[in-house]
Amino acid sequence: DELVLTIDGGIRLPVPADRVKRYEAFVGRPMLVGLRPEHLTEVRRPLRADMSVLRVKADVVEPLGMETMVFFRLGNAQACARLEPSAAPEPGEFVELMAHLAQIHLIDPQTDVVV
């Protein structure tokens, strides 16, 4: 059985196999998902099993020299990805991002405990 995180905005991310048992206790409960900008990057192929692609609309694109920060919304939450400047979209454009699933953390919003 595959366990999937469903995030606002219709994003579905498969849970890495080594976290399935830990996350099963939280099925059906609203949780916060933590993923740092450096773990949301431009898509590089081939994808490993611990990576998943999501498509988002860039709201703000902030060039910072060696990297570009791309801000977007997932439902009601703002999120940020860190891309190579050559991979950065224009504001309002859609971009595919690669999520490094081994770096995802779940946070219980009632206790602030990271699981």
PDB file of N, CA and C in Angstrom:
ATOM      1  N   ASP A   1       0.831  -1.191   0.000  1.00  0.00           N
ATOM      2  CA  ASP A   1       0.000   0.000   0.000  1.00  0.00           C
ATOM      3  C   ASP A   1       0.870   1.248   0.000  1.00  0.00           C
ATOM      4  N   GLU A   2       0.473   2.206  -0.831  1.00  0.00           N
ATOM      5  CA  GLU A   2       1.204   3.466  -0.885  1.00  0.00           C
ATOM      6  C   GLU A   2       0.480   4.491  -0.023  1.00  0.00           C
ATOM      7  N   LEU A   3       1.252   5.200   0.786  1.00  0.00           N
ATOM      8  CA  LEU A   3       0.713   6.273   1.605  1.00  0.00           C
ATOM      9  C   LEU A   3       1.043   7.587   0.909  1.00  0.00           C
ATOM     10  N   VAL A   4       0.051   8.485   0.822  1.00  0.00           N
ATOM     11  CA  VAL A   4       0.211   9.729   0.075  1.00  0.00           C
ATOM     12  C   VAL A   4      -0.162  10.907   0.960  1.00  0.00           C
ATOM     13  N   LEU A   5       0.663  11.961   0.913  1.00  0.00           N
ATOM     14  CA  LEU A   5       0.321  13.221   1.556  1.00  0.00           C
ATOM     15  C   LEU A   5      -0.493  14.030   0.563  1.00  0.00           C
ATOM     16  N   THR A   6      -1.649  14.508   0.978  1.00  0.00           N
ATOM     17  CA  THR A   6      -2.474  15.364   0.138  1.00  0.00           C
ATOM     18  C   THR A   6      -2.375  16.775   0.705  1.00  0.00           C
ATOM     19  N   ILE A   7      -1.880  17.690  -0.125  1.00  0.00           N
ATOM     20  CA  ILE A   7      -1.623  19.055   0.292  1.00  0.00           C
ATOM     21  C   ILE A   7      -2.630  19.967  -0.390  1.00  0.00           C
ATOM     22  N   ASP A   8      -3.001  21.064   0.299  1.00  0.00           N
ATOM     23  CA  ASP A   8      -3.909  22.040  -0.307  1.00  0.00           C
ATOM     24  C   ASP A   8      -3.475  22.348  -1.730  1.00  0.00           C
ATOM     25  N   GLY A   9      -4.435  22.539  -2.597  1.00  0.00           N
ATOM     26  CA  GLY A   9      -4.140  22.843  -3.990  1.00  0.00           C
ATOM     27  C   GLY A   9      -4.099  21.594  -4.855  1.00  0.00           C
ATOM     28  N   GLY A  10      -4.437  20.432  -4.284  1.00  0.00           N
ATOM     29  CA  GLY A  10      -4.496  19.204  -5.058  1.00  0.00           C
ATOM     30  C   GLY A  10      -3.160  18.502  -5.252  1.00  0.00           C
ATOM     31  N   ILE A  11      -2.138  18.933  -4.532  1.00  0.00           N
ATOM     32  CA  ILE A  11      -0.821  18.291  -4.641  1.00  0.00           C
ATOM     33  C   ILE A  11      -0.829  16.996  -3.849  1.00  0.00           C
ATOM     34  N   ARG A  12      -0.345  15.932  -4.463  1.00  0.00           N
ATOM     35  CA  ARG A  12      -0.242  14.619  -3.800  1.00  0.00           C
ATOM     36  C   ARG A  12       1.207  14.170  -3.881  1.00  0.00           C
ATOM     37  N   LEU A  13       1.780  13.874  -2.714  1.00  0.00           N
ATOM     38  CA  LEU A  13       3.176  13.441  -2.648  1.00  0.00           C
ATOM     39  C   LEU A  13       3.248  12.077  -1.966  1.00  0.00           C
ATOM     40  N   PRO A  14       3.874  11.097  -2.616  1.00  0.00           N
ATOM     41  CA  PRO A  14       4.005   9.783  -1.983  1.00  0.00           C
ATOM     42  C   PRO A  14       4.955   9.853  -0.789  1.00  0.00           C
ATOM     43  N   VAL A  15       4.606   9.148   0.261  1.00  0.00           N
ATOM     44  CA  VAL A  15       5.450   9.099   1.452  1.00  0.00           C
ATOM     45  C   VAL A  15       6.575   8.101   1.198  1.00  0.00           C
ATOM     46  N   PRO A  16       7.831   8.487   1.476  1.00  0.00           N
ATOM     47  CA  PRO A  16       8.940   7.536   1.308  1.00  0.00           C
ATOM     48  C   PRO A  16       8.718   6.281   2.157  1.00  0.00           C
ATOM     49  N   ALA A  17       9.138   5.144   1.636  1.00  0.00           N
ATOM     50  CA  ALA A  17       8.904   3.846   2.282  1.00  0.00           C
ATOM     51  C   ALA A  17       9.392   3.822   3.725  1.00  0.00           C
ATOM     52  N   ASP A  18      10.503   4.490   4.015  1.00  0.00           N
ATOM     53  CA  ASP A  18      11.045   4.435   5.375  1.00  0.00           C
ATOM     54  C   ASP A  18      10.256   5.281   6.373  1.00  0.00           C
ATOM     55  N   ARG A  19       9.254   6.023   5.912  1.00  0.00           N
ATOM     56  CA  ARG A  19       8.437   6.850   6.813  1.00  0.00           C
ATOM     57  C   ARG A  19       6.988   6.384   6.911  1.00  0.00           C
ATOM     58  N   VAL A  20       6.616   5.399   6.122  1.00  0.00           N
ATOM     59  CA  VAL A  20       5.221   4.961   6.079  1.00  0.00           C
ATOM     60  C   VAL A  20       4.735   4.549   7.461  1.00  0.00           C
ATOM     61  N   LYS A  21       5.460   3.693   8.168  1.00  0.00           N
ATOM     62  CA  LYS A  21       5.012   3.232   9.485  1.00  0.00           C
ATOM     63  C   LYS A  21       4.858   4.397  10.459  1.00  0.00           C
ATOM     64  N   ARG A  22       5.804   5.340  10.439  1.00  0.00           N
ATOM     65  CA  ARG A  22       5.762   6.491  11.345  1.00  0.00           C
ATOM     66  C   ARG A  22       4.560   7.383  11.049  1.00  0.00           C
ATOM     67  N   TYR A  23       4.209   7.545   9.762  1.00  0.00           N
ATOM     68  CA  TYR A  23       3.141   8.464   9.370  1.00  0.00           C
ATOM     69  C   TYR A  23       1.749   7.833   9.408  1.00  0.00           C
ATOM     70  N   GLU A  24       1.665   6.498   9.436  1.00  0.00           N
ATOM     71  CA  GLU A  24       0.356   5.835   9.398  1.00  0.00           C
ATOM     72  C   GLU A  24      -0.544   6.272  10.552  1.00  0.00           C
ATOM     73  N   ALA A  25       0.026   6.573  11.703  1.00  0.00           N
ATOM     74  CA  ALA A  25      -0.763   6.972  12.871  1.00  0.00           C
ATOM     75  C   ALA A  25      -1.468   8.309  12.651  1.00  0.00           C
ATOM     76  N   PHE A  26      -1.069   9.050  11.628  1.00  0.00           N
ATOM     77  CA  PHE A  26      -1.626  10.379  11.394  1.00  0.00           C
ATOM     78  C   PHE A  26      -2.569  10.434  10.193  1.00  0.00           C
ATOM     79  N   VAL A  27      -2.887   9.288   9.627  1.00  0.00           N
ATOM     80  CA  VAL A  27      -3.795   9.233   8.480  1.00  0.00           C
ATOM     81  C   VAL A  27      -5.136   9.851   8.874  1.00  0.00           C
ATOM     82  N   GLY A  28      -5.626  10.764   8.030  1.00  0.00           N
ATOM     83  CA  GLY A  28      -6.913  11.399   8.257  1.00  0.00           C
ATOM     84  C   GLY A  28      -6.857  12.620   9.155  1.00  0.00           C
ATOM     85  N   ARG A  29      -5.696  12.897   9.743  1.00  0.00           N
ATOM     86  CA  ARG A  29      -5.555  14.071  10.612  1.00  0.00           C
ATOM     87  C   ARG A  29      -4.898  15.198   9.826  1.00  0.00           C
ATOM     88  N   PRO A  30      -5.365  16.427  10.000  1.00  0.00           N
ATOM     89  CA  PRO A  30      -4.682  17.548   9.354  1.00  0.00           C
ATOM     90  C   PRO A  30      -3.305  17.750   9.992  1.00  0.00           C
ATOM     91  N   MET A  31      -2.286  17.819   9.169  1.00  0.00           N
ATOM     92  CA  MET A  31      -0.915  18.017   9.624  1.00  0.00           C
ATOM     93  C   MET A  31      -0.291  19.141   8.806  1.00  0.00           C
ATOM     94  N   LEU A  32       0.748  19.745   9.340  1.00  0.00           N
ATOM     95  CA  LEU A  32       1.535  20.712   8.580  1.00  0.00           C
ATOM     96  C   LEU A  32       2.661  19.948   7.905  1.00  0.00           C
ATOM     97  N   VAL A  33       3.007  20.363   6.681  1.00  0.00           N
ATOM     98  CA  VAL A  33       4.093  19.735   5.943  1.00  0.00           C
ATOM     99  C   VAL A  33       5.244  20.721   5.886  1.00  0.00           C
ATOM    100  N   GLY A  34       6.411  20.274   6.295  1.00  0.00           N
ATOM    101  CA  GLY A  34       7.599  21.113   6.246  1.00  0.00           C
ATOM    102  C   GLY A  34       8.571  20.613   5.195  1.00  0.00           C
ATOM    103  N   LEU A  35       8.983  21.533   4.316  1.00  0.00           N
ATOM    104  CA  LEU A  35       9.968  21.218   3.286  1.00  0.00           C
ATOM    105  C   LEU A  35      10.716  22.498   2.960  1.00  0.00           C
ATOM    106  N   ARG A  36      12.008  22.508   3.175  1.00  0.00           N
ATOM    107  CA  ARG A  36      12.823  23.711   2.969  1.00  0.00           C
ATOM    108  C   ARG A  36      12.933  24.056   1.481  1.00  0.00           C
ATOM    109  N   PRO A  37      13.142  25.345   1.172  1.00  0.00           N
ATOM    110  CA  PRO A  37      13.265  25.750  -0.236  1.00  0.00           C
ATOM    111  C   PRO A  37      14.340  24.987  -0.998  1.00  0.00           C
ATOM    112  N   GLU A  38      15.447  24.634  -0.343  1.00  0.00           N
ATOM    113  CA  GLU A  38      16.512  23.902  -1.045  1.00  0.00           C
ATOM    114  C   GLU A  38      16.119  22.469  -1.375  1.00  0.00           C
ATOM    115  N   HIS A  39      14.970  22.008  -0.856  1.00  0.00           N
ATOM    116  CA  HIS A  39      14.473  20.679  -1.178  1.00  0.00           C
ATOM    117  C   HIS A  39      13.300  20.715  -2.151  1.00  0.00           C
ATOM    118  N   LEU A  40      13.036  21.912  -2.695  1.00  0.00           N
ATOM    119  CA  LEU A  40      12.123  22.109  -3.824  1.00  0.00           C
ATOM    120  C   LEU A  40      12.948  22.794  -4.900  1.00  0.00           C
ATOM    121  N   THR A  41      13.330  22.056  -5.917  1.00  0.00           N
ATOM    122  CA  THR A  41      14.276  22.553  -6.907  1.00  0.00           C
ATOM    123  C   THR A  41      13.761  22.318  -8.320  1.00  0.00           C
ATOM    124  N   GLU A  42      14.564  22.764  -9.297  1.00  0.00           N
ATOM    125  CA  GLU A  42      14.209  22.467 -10.683  1.00  0.00           C
ATOM    126  C   GLU A  42      14.276  20.954 -10.889  1.00  0.00           C
ATOM    127  N   VAL A  43      13.506  20.467 -11.833  1.00  0.00           N
ATOM    128  CA  VAL A  43      13.437  19.028 -12.105  1.00  0.00           C
ATOM    129  C   VAL A  43      14.721  18.587 -12.791  1.00  0.00           C
ATOM    130  N   ARG A  44      15.275  17.530 -12.266  1.00  0.00           N
ATOM    131  CA  ARG A  44      16.455  16.889 -12.862  1.00  0.00           C
ATOM    132  C   ARG A  44      16.105  15.429 -13.112  1.00  0.00           C
ATOM    133  N   ARG A  45      16.418  14.977 -14.282  1.00  0.00           N
ATOM    134  CA  ARG A  45      16.110  13.593 -14.655  1.00  0.00           C
ATOM    135  C   ARG A  45      17.393  12.778 -14.678  1.00  0.00           C
ATOM    136  N   PRO A  46      17.362  11.518 -14.383  1.00  0.00           N
ATOM    137  CA  PRO A  46      16.177  10.746 -14.005  1.00  0.00           C
ATOM    138  C   PRO A  46      15.792  11.030 -12.552  1.00  0.00           C
ATOM    139  N   LEU A  47      14.505  10.900 -12.279  1.00  0.00           N
ATOM    140  CA  LEU A  47      14.009  11.074 -10.913  1.00  0.00           C
ATOM    141  C   LEU A  47      14.335   9.829 -10.098  1.00  0.00           C
ATOM    142  N   ARG A  48      14.739  10.041  -8.862  1.00  0.00           N
ATOM    143  CA  ARG A  48      14.933   8.922  -7.942  1.00  0.00           C
ATOM    144  C   ARG A  48      13.591   8.597  -7.294  1.00  0.00           C
ATOM    145  N   ALA A  49      13.515   7.459  -6.640  1.00  0.00           N
ATOM    146  CA  ALA A  49      12.271   7.028  -5.997  1.00  0.00           C
ATOM    147  C   ALA A  49      11.837   7.994  -4.897  1.00  0.00           C
ATOM    148  N   ASP A  50      12.785   8.729  -4.297  1.00  0.00           N
ATOM    149  CA  ASP A  50      12.439   9.645  -3.210  1.00  0.00           C
ATOM    150  C   ASP A  50      12.200  11.071  -3.710  1.00  0.00           C
ATOM    151  N   MET A  51      11.828  11.204  -4.980  1.00  0.00           N
ATOM    152  CA  MET A  51      11.552  12.515  -5.564  1.00  0.00           C
ATOM    153  C   MET A  51      10.201  12.490  -6.263  1.00  0.00           C
ATOM    154  N   SER A  52       9.538  13.637  -6.255  1.00  0.00           N
ATOM    155  CA  SER A  52       8.245  13.748  -6.905  1.00  0.00           C
ATOM    156  C   SER A  52       8.156  15.123  -7.558  1.00  0.00           C
ATOM    157  N   VAL A  53       7.441  15.210  -8.666  1.00  0.00           N
ATOM    158  CA  VAL A  53       7.318  16.462  -9.408  1.00  0.00           C
ATOM    159  C   VAL A  53       5.957  17.082  -9.118  1.00  0.00           C
ATOM    160  N   LEU A  54       5.953  18.395  -8.872  1.00  0.00           N
ATOM    161  CA  LEU A  54       4.708  19.120  -8.732  1.00  0.00           C
ATOM    162  C   LEU A  54       4.747  20.355  -9.617  1.00  0.00           C
ATOM    163  N   ARG A  55       3.591  20.763 -10.062  1.00  0.00           N
ATOM    164  CA  ARG A  55       3.462  21.917 -10.961  1.00  0.00           C
ATOM    165  C   ARG A  55       2.756  23.024 -10.202  1.00  0.00           C
ATOM    166  N   VAL A  56       3.398  24.201 -10.166  1.00  0.00           N
ATOM    167  CA  VAL A  56       2.851  25.333  -9.411  1.00  0.00           C
ATOM    168  C   VAL A  56       2.954  26.607 -10.250  1.00  0.00           C
ATOM    169  N   LYS A  57       2.188  27.614  -9.858  1.00  0.00           N
ATOM    170  CA  LYS A  57       2.230  28.914 -10.524  1.00  0.00           C
ATOM    171  C   LYS A  57       3.094  29.862  -9.694  1.00  0.00           C
ATOM    172  N   ALA A  58       4.124  30.422 -10.305  1.00  0.00           N
ATOM    173  CA  ALA A  58       5.030  31.339  -9.619  1.00  0.00           C
ATOM    174  C   ALA A  58       4.324  32.659  -9.344  1.00  0.00           C
ATOM    175  N   ASP A  59       4.328  33.082  -8.090  1.00  0.00           N
ATOM    176  CA  ASP A  59       3.769  34.381  -7.719  1.00  0.00           C
ATOM    177  C   ASP A  59       4.847  35.453  -7.747  1.00  0.00           C
ATOM    178  N   VAL A  60       5.954  35.172  -7.073  1.00  0.00           N
ATOM    179  CA  VAL A  60       7.070  36.111  -6.975  1.00  0.00           C
ATOM    180  C   VAL A  60       8.341  35.362  -7.321  1.00  0.00           C
ATOM    181  N   VAL A  61       9.190  35.983  -8.132  1.00  0.00           N
ATOM    182  CA  VAL A  61      10.472  35.402  -8.511  1.00  0.00           C
ATOM    183  C   VAL A  61      11.549  36.384  -8.074  1.00  0.00           C
ATOM    184  N   GLU A  62      12.445  35.920  -7.187  1.00  0.00           N
ATOM    185  CA  GLU A  62      13.455  36.796  -6.612  1.00  0.00           C
ATOM    186  C   GLU A  62      14.859  36.304  -6.963  1.00  0.00           C
ATOM    187  N   PRO A  63      15.508  36.917  -7.982  1.00  0.00           N
ATOM    188  CA  PRO A  63      16.873  36.536  -8.333  1.00  0.00           C
ATOM    189  C   PRO A  63      17.845  36.976  -7.230  1.00  0.00           C
ATOM    190  N   LEU A  64      18.717  36.063  -6.834  1.00  0.00           N
ATOM    191  CA  LEU A  64      19.704  36.359  -5.794  1.00  0.00           C
ATOM    192  C   LEU A  64      21.119  36.023  -6.259  1.00  0.00           C
ATOM    193  N   GLY A  65      21.385  36.163  -7.523  1.00  0.00           N
ATOM    194  CA  GLY A  65      22.719  35.854  -8.042  1.00  0.00           C
ATOM    195  C   GLY A  65      22.843  34.386  -8.400  1.00  0.00           C
ATOM    196  N   MET A  66      23.440  33.614  -7.508  1.00  0.00           N
ATOM    197  CA  MET A  66      23.699  32.195  -7.774  1.00  0.00           C
ATOM    198  C   MET A  66      22.456  31.311  -7.644  1.00  0.00           C
ATOM    199  N   GLU A  67      21.369  31.876  -7.127  1.00  0.00           N
ATOM    200  CA  GLU A  67      20.128  31.131  -6.987  1.00  0.00           C
ATOM    201  C   GLU A  67      18.956  32.089  -7.159  1.00  0.00           C
ATOM    202  N   THR A  68      17.792  31.519  -7.406  1.00  0.00           N
ATOM    203  CA  THR A  68      16.574  32.310  -7.535  1.00  0.00           C
ATOM    204  C   THR A  68      15.518  31.683  -6.648  1.00  0.00           C
ATOM    205  N   MET A  69      14.889  32.512  -5.826  1.00  0.00           N
ATOM    206  CA  MET A  69      13.810  32.038  -4.966  1.00  0.00           C
ATOM    207  C   MET A  69      12.487  32.246  -5.711  1.00  0.00           C
ATOM    208  N   VAL A  70      11.665  31.232  -5.727  1.00  0.00           N
ATOM    209  CA  VAL A  70      10.363  31.290  -6.386  1.00  0.00           C
ATOM    210  C   VAL A  70       9.298  31.041  -5.319  1.00  0.00           C
ATOM    211  N   PHE A  71       8.413  32.017  -5.137  1.00  0.00           N
ATOM    212  CA  PHE A  71       7.342  31.920  -4.152  1.00  0.00           C
ATOM    213  C   PHE A  71       6.046  31.575  -4.874  1.00  0.00           C
ATOM    214  N   PHE A  72       5.261  30.694  -4.263  1.00  0.00           N
ATOM    215  CA  PHE A  72       4.016  30.219  -4.868  1.00  0.00           C
ATOM    216  C   PHE A  72       3.071  29.818  -3.746  1.00  0.00           C
ATOM    217  N   ARG A  73       1.829  29.528  -4.112  1.00  0.00           N
ATOM    218  CA  ARG A  73       0.831  29.137  -3.122  1.00  0.00           C
ATOM    219  C   ARG A  73       0.452  27.672  -3.303  1.00  0.00           C
ATOM    220  N   LEU A  74       0.267  27.028  -2.167  1.00  0.00           N
ATOM    221  CA  LEU A  74      -0.316  25.692  -2.129  1.00  0.00           C
ATOM    222  C   LEU A  74      -1.576  25.835  -1.279  1.00  0.00           C
ATOM    223  N   GLY A  75      -2.710  25.968  -1.939  1.00  0.00           N
ATOM    224  CA  GLY A  75      -3.931  26.267  -1.205  1.00  0.00           C
ATOM    225  C   GLY A  75      -3.809  27.640  -0.572  1.00  0.00           C
ATOM    226  N   ASN A  76      -3.963  27.712   0.747  1.00  0.00           N
ATOM    227  CA  ASN A  76      -3.864  28.977   1.463  1.00  0.00           C
ATOM    228  C   ASN A  76      -2.460  29.261   1.991  1.00  0.00           C
ATOM    229  N   ALA A  77      -1.532  28.353   1.782  1.00  0.00           N
ATOM    230  CA  ALA A  77      -0.181  28.515   2.321  1.00  0.00           C
ATOM    231  C   ALA A  77       0.784  29.014   1.251  1.00  0.00           C
ATOM    232  N   GLN A  78       1.702  29.877   1.674  1.00  0.00           N
ATOM    233  CA  GLN A  78       2.756  30.314   0.770  1.00  0.00           C
ATOM    234  C   GLN A  78       3.935  29.363   0.919  1.00  0.00           C
ATOM    235  N   ALA A  79       4.565  29.045  -0.186  1.00  0.00           N
ATOM    236  CA  ALA A  79       5.722  28.155  -0.189  1.00  0.00           C
ATOM    237  C   ALA A  79       6.819  28.783  -1.041  1.00  0.00           C
ATOM    238  N   CYS A  80       8.013  28.219  -0.942  1.00  0.00           N
ATOM    239  CA  CYS A  80       9.161  28.783  -1.643  1.00  0.00           C
ATOM    240  C   CYS A  80      10.057  27.660  -2.132  1.00  0.00           C
ATOM    241  N   ALA A  81      10.593  27.837  -3.338  1.00  0.00           N
ATOM    242  CA  ALA A  81      11.547  26.901  -3.924  1.00  0.00           C
ATOM    243  C   ALA A  81      12.820  27.653  -4.267  1.00  0.00           C
ATOM    244  N   ARG A  82      13.929  26.940  -4.271  1.00  0.00           N
ATOM    245  CA  ARG A  82      15.219  27.530  -4.630  1.00  0.00           C
ATOM    246  C   ARG A  82      15.692  26.895  -5.930  1.00  0.00           C
ATOM    247  N   LEU A  83      15.788  27.724  -6.986  1.00  0.00           N
ATOM    248  CA  LEU A  83      16.122  27.216  -8.315  1.00  0.00           C
ATOM    249  C   LEU A  83      17.419  27.817  -8.835  1.00  0.00           C
ATOM    250  N   GLU A  84      17.989  27.130  -9.812  1.00  0.00           N
ATOM    251  CA  GLU A  84      19.085  27.697 -10.595  1.00  0.00           C
ATOM    252  C   GLU A  84      18.497  28.864 -11.382  1.00  0.00           C
ATOM    253  N   PRO A  85      19.227  29.959 -11.542  1.00  0.00           N
ATOM    254  CA  PRO A  85      18.677  31.106 -12.282  1.00  0.00           C
ATOM    255  C   PRO A  85      18.157  30.743 -13.670  1.00  0.00           C
ATOM    256  N   SER A  86      18.821  29.829 -14.360  1.00  0.00           N
ATOM    257  CA  SER A  86      18.395  29.470 -15.720  1.00  0.00           C
ATOM    258  C   SER A  86      17.069  28.705 -15.733  1.00  0.00           C
ATOM    259  N   ALA A  87      16.646  28.155 -14.597  1.00  0.00           N
ATOM    260  CA  ALA A  87      15.416  27.374 -14.524  1.00  0.00           C
ATOM    261  C   ALA A  87      14.235  28.190 -14.007  1.00  0.00           C
ATOM    262  N   ALA A  88      14.483  29.441 -13.637  1.00  0.00           N
ATOM    263  CA  ALA A  88      13.443  30.248 -13.005  1.00  0.00           C
ATOM    264  C   ALA A  88      12.387  30.702 -14.005  1.00  0.00           C
ATOM    265  N   PRO A  89      11.120  30.620 -13.602  1.00  0.00           N
ATOM    266  CA  PRO A  89      10.038  31.112 -14.457  1.00  0.00           C
ATOM    267  C   PRO A  89       9.865  32.615 -14.277  1.00  0.00           C
ATOM    268  N   GLU A  90       9.003  33.187 -15.071  1.00  0.00           N
ATOM    269  CA  GLU A  90       8.563  34.571 -14.871  1.00  0.00           C
ATOM    270  C   GLU A  90       7.370  34.538 -13.905  1.00  0.00           C
ATOM    271  N   PRO A  91       7.131  35.609 -13.165  1.00  0.00           N
ATOM    272  CA  PRO A  91       5.938  35.645 -12.316  1.00  0.00           C
ATOM    273  C   PRO A  91       4.679  35.384 -13.157  1.00  0.00           C
ATOM    274  N   GLY A  92       3.793  34.552 -12.629  1.00  0.00           N
ATOM    275  CA  GLY A  92       2.565  34.204 -13.329  1.00  0.00           C
ATOM    276  C   GLY A  92       2.692  32.955 -14.182  1.00  0.00           C
ATOM    277  N   GLU A  93       3.904  32.505 -14.447  1.00  0.00           N
ATOM    278  CA  GLU A  93       4.108  31.285 -15.233  1.00  0.00           C
ATOM    279  C   GLU A  93       4.043  30.059 -14.329  1.00  0.00           C
ATOM    280  N   PHE A  94       3.706  28.938 -14.951  1.00  0.00           N
ATOM    281  CA  PHE A  94       3.742  27.667 -14.239  1.00  0.00           C
ATOM    282  C   PHE A  94       5.142  27.080 -14.351  1.00  0.00           C
ATOM    283  N   VAL A  95       5.550  26.377 -13.297  1.00  0.00           N
ATOM    284  CA  VAL A  95       6.865  25.752 -13.272  1.00  0.00           C
ATOM    285  C   VAL A  95       6.735  24.383 -12.602  1.00  0.00           C
ATOM    286  N   GLU A  96       7.506  23.428 -13.108  1.00  0.00           N
ATOM    287  CA  GLU A  96       7.573  22.120 -12.461  1.00  0.00           C
ATOM    288  C   GLU A  96       8.716  22.132 -11.468  1.00  0.00           C
ATOM    289  N   LEU A  97       8.423  21.647 -10.267  1.00  0.00           N
ATOM    290  CA  LEU A  97       9.423  21.574  -9.213  1.00  0.00           C
ATOM    291  C   LEU A  97       9.612  20.128  -8.792  1.00  0.00           C
ATOM    292  N   MET A  98      10.813  19.828  -8.352  1.00  0.00           N
ATOM    293  CA  MET A  98      11.126  18.500  -7.856  1.00  0.00           C
ATOM    294  C   MET A  98      11.179  18.575  -6.337  1.00  0.00           C
ATOM    295  N   ALA A  99      10.326  17.800  -5.677  1.00  0.00           N
ATOM    296  CA  ALA A  99      10.307  17.734  -4.217  1.00  0.00           C
ATOM    297  C   ALA A  99      11.159  16.555  -3.772  1.00  0.00           C
ATOM    298  N   HIS A 100      12.105  16.830  -2.901  1.00  0.00           N
ATOM    299  CA  HIS A 100      12.971  15.797  -2.333  1.00  0.00           C
ATOM    300  C   HIS A 100      12.237  15.200  -1.123  1.00  0.00           C
ATOM    301  N   LEU A 101      11.526  14.107  -1.349  1.00  0.00           N
ATOM    302  CA  LEU A 101      10.600  13.560  -0.360  1.00  0.00           C
ATOM    303  C   LEU A 101      11.279  13.085   0.915  1.00  0.00           C
ATOM    304  N   ALA A 102      12.536  12.686   0.837  1.00  0.00           N
ATOM    305  CA  ALA A 102      13.244  12.237   2.034  1.00  0.00           C
ATOM    306  C   ALA A 102      13.466  13.382   3.020  1.00  0.00           C
ATOM    307  N   GLN A 103      13.228  14.612   2.582  1.00  0.00           N
ATOM    308  CA  GLN A 103      13.434  15.786   3.431  1.00  0.00           C
ATOM    309  C   GLN A 103      12.136  16.354   4.008  1.00  0.00           C
ATOM    310  N   ILE A 104      11.001  15.723   3.709  1.00  0.00           N
ATOM    311  CA  ILE A 104       9.711  16.192   4.213  1.00  0.00           C
ATOM    312  C   ILE A 104       9.584  15.880   5.699  1.00  0.00           C
ATOM    313  N   HIS A 105       8.975  16.804   6.418  1.00  0.00           N
ATOM    314  CA  HIS A 105       8.665  16.594   7.825  1.00  0.00           C
ATOM    315  C   HIS A 105       7.181  16.891   8.033  1.00  0.00           C
ATOM    316  N   LEU A 106       6.553  16.097   8.863  1.00  0.00           N
ATOM    317  CA  LEU A 106       5.179  16.370   9.267  1.00  0.00           C
ATOM    318  C   LEU A 106       5.207  16.992  10.657  1.00  0.00           C
ATOM    319  N   ILE A 107       4.347  17.975  10.857  1.00  0.00           N
ATOM    320  CA  ILE A 107       4.278  18.667  12.137  1.00  0.00           C
ATOM    321  C   ILE A 107       2.836  18.611  12.608  1.00  0.00           C
ATOM    322  N   ASP A 108       2.647  18.129  13.834  1.00  0.00           N
ATOM    323  CA  ASP A 108       1.313  18.082  14.416  1.00  0.00           C
ATOM    324  C   ASP A 108       0.928  19.498  14.834  1.00  0.00           C
ATOM    325  N   PRO A 109      -0.107  20.084  14.212  1.00  0.00           N
ATOM    326  CA  PRO A 109      -0.463  21.469  14.517  1.00  0.00           C
ATOM    327  C   PRO A 109      -0.999  21.671  15.940  1.00  0.00           C
ATOM    328  N   GLN A 110      -1.423  20.596  16.590  1.00  0.00           N
ATOM    329  CA  GLN A 110      -1.947  20.709  17.959  1.00  0.00           C
ATOM    330  C   GLN A 110      -0.829  20.740  18.994  1.00  0.00           C
ATOM    331  N   THR A 111       0.279  20.046  18.688  1.00  0.00           N
ATOM    332  CA  THR A 111       1.366  19.933  19.673  1.00  0.00           C
ATOM    333  C   THR A 111       2.676  20.547  19.202  1.00  0.00           C
ATOM    334  N   ASP A 112       2.775  20.899  17.902  1.00  0.00           N
ATOM    335  CA  ASP A 112       4.010  21.387  17.273  1.00  0.00           C
ATOM    336  C   ASP A 112       5.126  20.335  17.264  1.00  0.00           C
ATOM    337  N   VAL A 113       4.789  19.090  17.500  1.00  0.00           N
ATOM    338  CA  VAL A 113       5.766  17.997  17.472  1.00  0.00           C
ATOM    339  C   VAL A 113       6.019  17.598  16.025  1.00  0.00           C
ATOM    340  N   VAL A 114       7.298  17.476  15.682  1.00  0.00           N
ATOM    341  CA  VAL A 114       7.706  17.009  14.357  1.00  0.00           C
ATOM    342  C   VAL A 114       7.753  15.482  14.381  1.00  0.00           C
ATOM    343  N   VAL A 115       7.048  14.871  13.409  1.00  0.00           N
ATOM    344  CA  VAL A 115       7.031  13.400  13.354  1.00  0.00           C
ATOM    345  C   VAL A 115       7.694  12.893  12.097  1.00  0.00           C
TER     346      VAL A 115
END
